[in-house]
Protein backbone atom coordinates (compact mmCIF):
# COMPACT_ATOMS: atom_id res chain seq x y z
CA MET A 1 -20.79 54.42 68.68
CA ARG A 2 -22.53 52.72 65.72
CA ALA A 3 -26.38 52.27 65.83
CA THR A 4 -28.05 49.10 65.82
CA HIS A 5 -31.02 48.35 63.80
CA ARG A 6 -33.39 45.77 64.33
CA SER A 7 -36.19 44.75 62.12
CA THR A 8 -38.88 42.11 62.08
CA ARG A 9 -41.29 41.10 59.43
CA VAL A 10 -44.43 39.47 59.63
CA ALA A 11 -47.03 37.89 57.52
CA THR A 12 -50.90 37.59 58.16
CA GLN A 13 -53.96 35.97 56.59
CA ALA A 14 -53.09 35.62 52.71
CA CYS A 15 -49.99 33.38 53.97
CA ARG A 16 -52.01 31.61 56.33
CA ALA A 17 -54.73 30.58 54.09
CA ALA A 18 -52.54 30.15 50.60
CA ALA A 19 -51.59 26.65 50.20
CA ASN A 20 -48.15 27.92 48.98
CA GLY A 21 -48.04 30.38 51.59
CA GLN A 22 -44.75 29.21 53.12
CA THR A 23 -43.20 28.24 49.66
CA PHE A 24 -43.79 31.98 48.71
CA LEU A 25 -42.00 33.18 51.88
CA ASN A 26 -39.14 30.91 51.34
CA ARG A 27 -38.57 32.15 47.86
CA ILE A 28 -38.70 35.80 49.52
CA ARG A 29 -35.97 34.59 52.10
CA THR A 30 -33.84 32.95 49.20
CA ASP A 31 -34.09 36.15 46.57
CA LEU A 32 -34.34 38.92 48.89
CA GLY A 33 -32.79 37.98 52.01
CA LEU A 34 -35.95 38.69 54.16
CA ASP A 35 -37.31 36.38 56.88
CA PHE A 36 -41.03 36.57 57.28
CA GLN A 37 -42.84 35.05 60.36
CA ILE A 38 -46.47 33.82 59.62
CA ILE A 39 -48.17 34.84 62.91
CA GLU A 40 -51.39 33.29 64.04
CA ALA A 41 -54.97 35.00 64.02
CA GLU A 42 -54.84 35.78 67.76
CA GLU A 43 -51.52 36.87 67.72
CA GLU A 44 -52.65 39.41 64.85
CA ALA A 45 -55.64 40.55 66.72
CA ARG A 46 -53.39 41.03 69.93
CA LEU A 47 -50.81 43.18 68.03
CA SER A 48 -53.66 45.30 66.47
CA VAL A 49 -55.13 46.16 70.09
CA LEU A 50 -51.78 46.86 71.02
CA GLY A 51 -51.17 49.25 68.21
CA CYS A 52 -54.55 50.97 68.63
CA ALA A 53 -54.25 50.96 73.01
CA SER A 54 -53.85 54.73 73.10
CA LEU A 55 -56.90 55.45 71.03
CA LEU A 56 -59.20 53.60 73.64
CA ASP A 57 -61.80 55.52 75.68
CA PRO A 58 -61.06 54.72 79.28
CA GLU A 59 -64.49 55.81 80.28
CA SER A 60 -66.30 53.19 77.91
CA GLU A 61 -67.08 49.83 79.71
CA LEU A 62 -66.12 47.93 76.38
CA ALA A 63 -64.41 48.57 73.19
CA LEU A 64 -64.46 46.43 69.83
CA ILE A 65 -61.42 46.74 67.57
CA VAL A 66 -62.47 45.84 64.01
CA ASP A 67 -59.36 45.20 61.67
CA ILE A 68 -61.00 44.81 58.20
CA GLY A 69 -58.23 43.40 55.82
CA GLY A 70 -57.97 42.27 52.44
CA GLY A 71 -58.85 38.37 53.09
CA SER A 72 -60.15 38.22 56.50
CA THR A 73 -61.61 40.77 59.52
CA GLU A 74 -60.33 40.40 62.69
CA LEU A 75 -62.50 41.30 65.92
CA SER A 76 -61.07 42.06 69.41
CA TRP A 77 -63.37 42.90 72.67
CA VAL A 78 -61.50 44.51 75.16
CA SER A 79 -61.73 46.31 78.59
CA PRO A 80 -60.18 49.92 77.62
CA LYS A 81 -59.01 50.48 81.14
CA ALA A 82 -57.37 46.75 81.51
CA VAL A 83 -55.79 47.23 77.88
CA LEU A 84 -54.26 50.62 78.99
CA ALA A 85 -52.84 49.30 81.96
CA GLY A 86 -51.71 45.97 80.31
CA GLY A 87 -48.36 47.03 78.94
CA LEU A 88 -47.09 45.03 76.14
CA GLU A 89 -49.62 42.10 76.53
CA PRO A 90 -52.73 43.57 76.38
CA PRO A 91 -55.78 41.41 77.96
CA VAL A 92 -58.19 40.71 75.37
CA LEU A 93 -61.73 39.62 76.48
CA ALA A 94 -62.62 37.68 73.26
CA TRP A 95 -61.56 37.39 69.93
CA GLY A 96 -62.28 35.85 66.68
CA THR A 97 -61.41 35.94 62.83
CA CYS A 98 -63.61 35.94 60.02
CA PRO A 99 -62.40 34.85 56.55
CA ILE A 100 -63.98 37.66 54.75
CA GLY A 101 -62.03 40.84 53.70
CA VAL A 102 -62.24 43.57 51.06
CA VAL A 103 -60.34 41.79 48.23
CA THR A 104 -61.92 38.38 48.82
CA LEU A 105 -65.54 39.55 49.03
CA ALA A 106 -65.11 41.93 46.12
CA GLU A 107 -64.19 38.65 44.11
CA ASP A 108 -67.45 36.96 45.06
CA GLU A 109 -69.79 40.10 44.96
CA SER A 110 -69.85 42.13 41.58
CA GLU A 111 -71.69 45.46 42.33
CA PRO A 112 -74.56 46.41 40.09
CA ASP A 113 -75.31 49.31 38.00
CA ALA A 114 -78.58 49.60 39.02
CA GLU A 115 -80.72 48.50 42.45
CA LYS A 116 -77.61 49.03 44.44
CA LEU A 117 -79.24 49.78 47.57
CA ALA A 118 -81.00 46.33 47.40
CA TRP A 119 -77.78 44.68 46.43
CA PHE A 120 -75.85 46.48 49.26
CA GLU A 121 -78.57 45.63 51.95
CA GLY A 122 -78.29 41.83 50.74
CA VAL A 123 -74.87 41.87 51.26
CA VAL A 124 -74.76 43.24 54.74
CA THR A 125 -77.50 40.96 55.72
CA ARG A 126 -75.43 37.70 54.85
CA LEU A 127 -72.44 39.14 56.34
CA ALA A 128 -74.02 39.88 59.63
CA GLU A 129 -75.22 36.39 59.95
CA SER A 130 -71.37 35.14 59.01
CA ILE A 131 -70.42 37.61 61.67
CA ALA A 132 -72.49 37.38 64.63
CA PRO A 133 -70.79 33.81 65.99
CA VAL A 134 -67.59 35.39 65.67
CA GLY A 135 -65.59 35.08 68.88
CA ASN A 136 -68.33 33.67 70.99
CA ALA A 137 -68.76 37.07 72.63
CA GLN A 138 -72.59 36.94 72.58
CA HIS A 139 -72.46 37.41 76.59
CA LEU A 140 -71.11 40.94 75.78
CA ARG A 141 -73.71 42.19 73.35
CA GLU A 142 -75.84 44.17 75.88
CA ILE A 143 -73.41 46.37 76.72
CA PHE A 144 -73.29 47.18 73.22
CA GLU A 145 -76.84 47.58 72.94
CA GLN A 146 -77.16 49.76 76.03
CA GLY A 147 -74.43 52.12 74.40
CA ARG A 148 -71.61 51.84 77.04
CA ALA A 149 -69.12 50.66 74.31
CA HIS A 150 -67.69 51.99 71.35
CA VAL A 151 -65.68 50.49 68.05
CA ILE A 152 -62.02 51.26 66.90
CA GLY A 153 -61.82 50.62 63.16
CA THR A 154 -58.41 49.88 61.86
CA SER A 155 -58.41 49.60 58.22
CA GLY A 156 -58.12 51.32 54.77
CA THR A 157 -61.98 51.13 54.67
CA VAL A 158 -62.50 53.06 57.91
CA THR A 159 -60.00 55.87 57.15
CA SER A 160 -60.88 56.24 53.74
CA LEU A 161 -64.52 56.73 54.91
CA ALA A 162 -63.56 59.39 57.50
CA GLY A 163 -61.48 61.15 55.01
CA VAL A 164 -64.28 61.62 52.82
CA HIS A 165 -66.74 62.55 55.43
CA MET A 166 -64.22 65.51 56.51
CA ASP A 167 -63.86 66.41 52.86
CA LEU A 168 -60.36 66.32 52.85
CA PRO A 169 -58.80 67.71 49.91
CA ARG A 170 -56.07 65.10 50.18
CA TYR A 171 -55.87 62.52 53.08
CA GLN A 172 -54.23 63.72 56.13
CA ARG A 173 -53.18 60.84 58.56
CA SER A 174 -52.89 63.49 61.50
CA ARG A 175 -56.71 64.52 61.05
CA VAL A 176 -57.96 61.10 60.38
CA ASP A 177 -56.01 59.29 63.10
CA GLY A 178 -57.98 59.25 66.27
CA TYR A 179 -61.09 61.02 64.54
CA TRP A 180 -64.54 60.08 66.66
CA PHE A 181 -67.03 59.08 63.77
CA ASP A 182 -70.58 59.29 64.32
CA VAL A 183 -72.21 56.09 62.96
CA GLY A 184 -75.05 57.59 61.60
CA GLU A 185 -72.65 59.91 59.50
CA CYS A 186 -70.58 56.82 58.84
CA ARG A 187 -73.38 55.13 57.20
CA ASP A 188 -74.19 58.58 55.17
CA VAL A 189 -71.04 58.27 53.49
CA ILE A 190 -71.13 55.00 52.76
CA ASN A 191 -74.49 55.23 51.27
CA ARG A 192 -72.92 58.39 49.14
CA LEU A 193 -70.17 56.40 47.99
CA LEU A 194 -72.67 53.43 46.98
CA ASN A 195 -74.38 55.64 44.55
CA GLN A 196 -71.41 57.24 43.03
CA THR A 197 -69.74 55.31 40.14
CA LEU A 198 -66.09 54.11 40.20
CA ASP A 199 -64.68 57.00 38.39
CA GLU A 200 -66.61 59.59 40.96
CA ARG A 201 -65.17 57.51 43.96
CA ALA A 202 -61.49 57.21 42.14
CA ALA A 203 -61.62 61.12 41.94
CA ASN A 204 -61.80 61.55 45.78
CA ALA A 205 -58.45 61.89 47.15
CA CYS A 206 -59.23 59.65 50.03
CA VAL A 207 -60.37 56.96 47.96
CA GLY A 208 -58.39 56.94 44.72
CA LYS A 209 -58.26 54.58 41.86
CA ASP A 210 -56.85 51.70 44.13
CA ARG A 211 -59.88 51.82 46.68
CA ALA A 212 -62.58 52.70 44.27
CA ASP A 213 -63.89 49.39 43.97
CA LEU A 214 -63.10 48.17 47.55
CA VAL A 215 -64.16 50.74 49.59
CA VAL A 216 -68.25 49.95 49.48
CA ILE A 217 -67.50 46.40 49.91
CA GLY A 218 -65.43 47.40 53.01
CA GLY A 219 -68.46 49.64 54.21
CA ALA A 220 -70.66 46.61 53.74
CA ILE A 221 -68.14 44.65 56.06
CA LEU A 222 -68.36 47.39 58.79
CA ASP A 223 -71.99 48.02 58.62
CA ALA A 224 -72.42 44.35 59.03
CA VAL A 225 -70.36 44.76 62.10
CA LEU A 226 -72.22 47.25 63.52
CA ARG A 227 -75.61 45.59 63.09
CA VAL A 228 -74.38 42.73 65.23
CA TRP A 229 -72.38 44.91 67.64
CA PRO A 230 -74.16 48.54 67.76
CA ALA A 231 -72.37 51.55 68.95
CA PRO A 232 -72.74 55.09 68.58
CA ARG A 233 -69.45 56.03 67.63
CA ILE A 234 -66.29 54.69 65.88
CA ARG A 235 -62.57 55.86 66.87
CA VAL A 236 -60.75 56.12 63.64
CA ALA A 237 -57.30 54.26 63.70
CA ASP A 238 -54.59 54.69 61.15
CA ARG A 239 -52.67 52.19 63.10
CA GLY A 240 -52.75 48.80 64.30
CA LEU A 241 -50.72 45.52 63.66
CA ARG A 242 -47.85 47.50 62.54
CA GLU A 243 -47.74 49.87 65.35
CA GLY A 244 -48.07 46.76 67.76
CA VAL A 245 -45.13 45.07 66.15
CA LEU A 246 -43.20 48.25 66.10
CA MET A 247 -44.06 48.72 70.03
CA ARG A 248 -42.87 45.26 70.96
CA LEU A 249 -39.65 45.52 68.66
CA ILE A 250 -38.66 49.07 70.60
CA ALA A 251 -39.15 47.29 73.99
CA GLN A 252 -37.03 44.13 72.85
CA HIS A 253 -34.45 46.92 71.67
CA THR A 254 -34.74 48.72 74.96
CA LYS A 255 -34.51 45.62 77.23
CA GLY A 256 -31.39 44.41 75.18
CA ALA A 257 -29.33 48.14 75.66
CA SER A 258 -30.04 48.17 79.41
């Protein structure tokens, strides 16, 4: 019996925001025969929740899933118990997208050679002001302030910070994915990287040349989120949107084969 292969391809913030996003995808379809679907921000957030569902702590009252991308940051507030019981359509209490990502922010913010701490503090303060109204979820803040919630970080920023903290000689997904990261220790790692040169960051196997100029900017976004939505710990997710898409695809394939 010949195996049936199914695939799906999605495009996110870069193509949503670009004036020529659909033109670019049309060219890919013409030249490569690959058909991409531009998904809305809400669907992107829901897929990230689905991909991270197994990492939620059911003992926590709430969780905030933070997806720091290149062009935007998605925030999704969920009840872990409800998500774990929600199947392929996880309920989301609130969600929002902020048009700030590591690449777009790096283009606007030049990291100085001196007075780095003051610069970083200024960036985080401005970001926190932009992030505070995202999602209209202020009614949930008290639960975070009382320590009854946790954060899941799904992005290259968070996985890199965890790898640096664990002092891994090379990045290992099996050790990073699912790791519980104390927020104080996370901030210590960001501060350590802030005080390093680009070459020193690039020499770390969990950062590398491609992320050397982005990891601190990503840390600023994460720190800003945590100032608005305080939590004692972060669960690191080397998973998210991709796994959510895969889970939906598997379900469709299984249903079609039955």
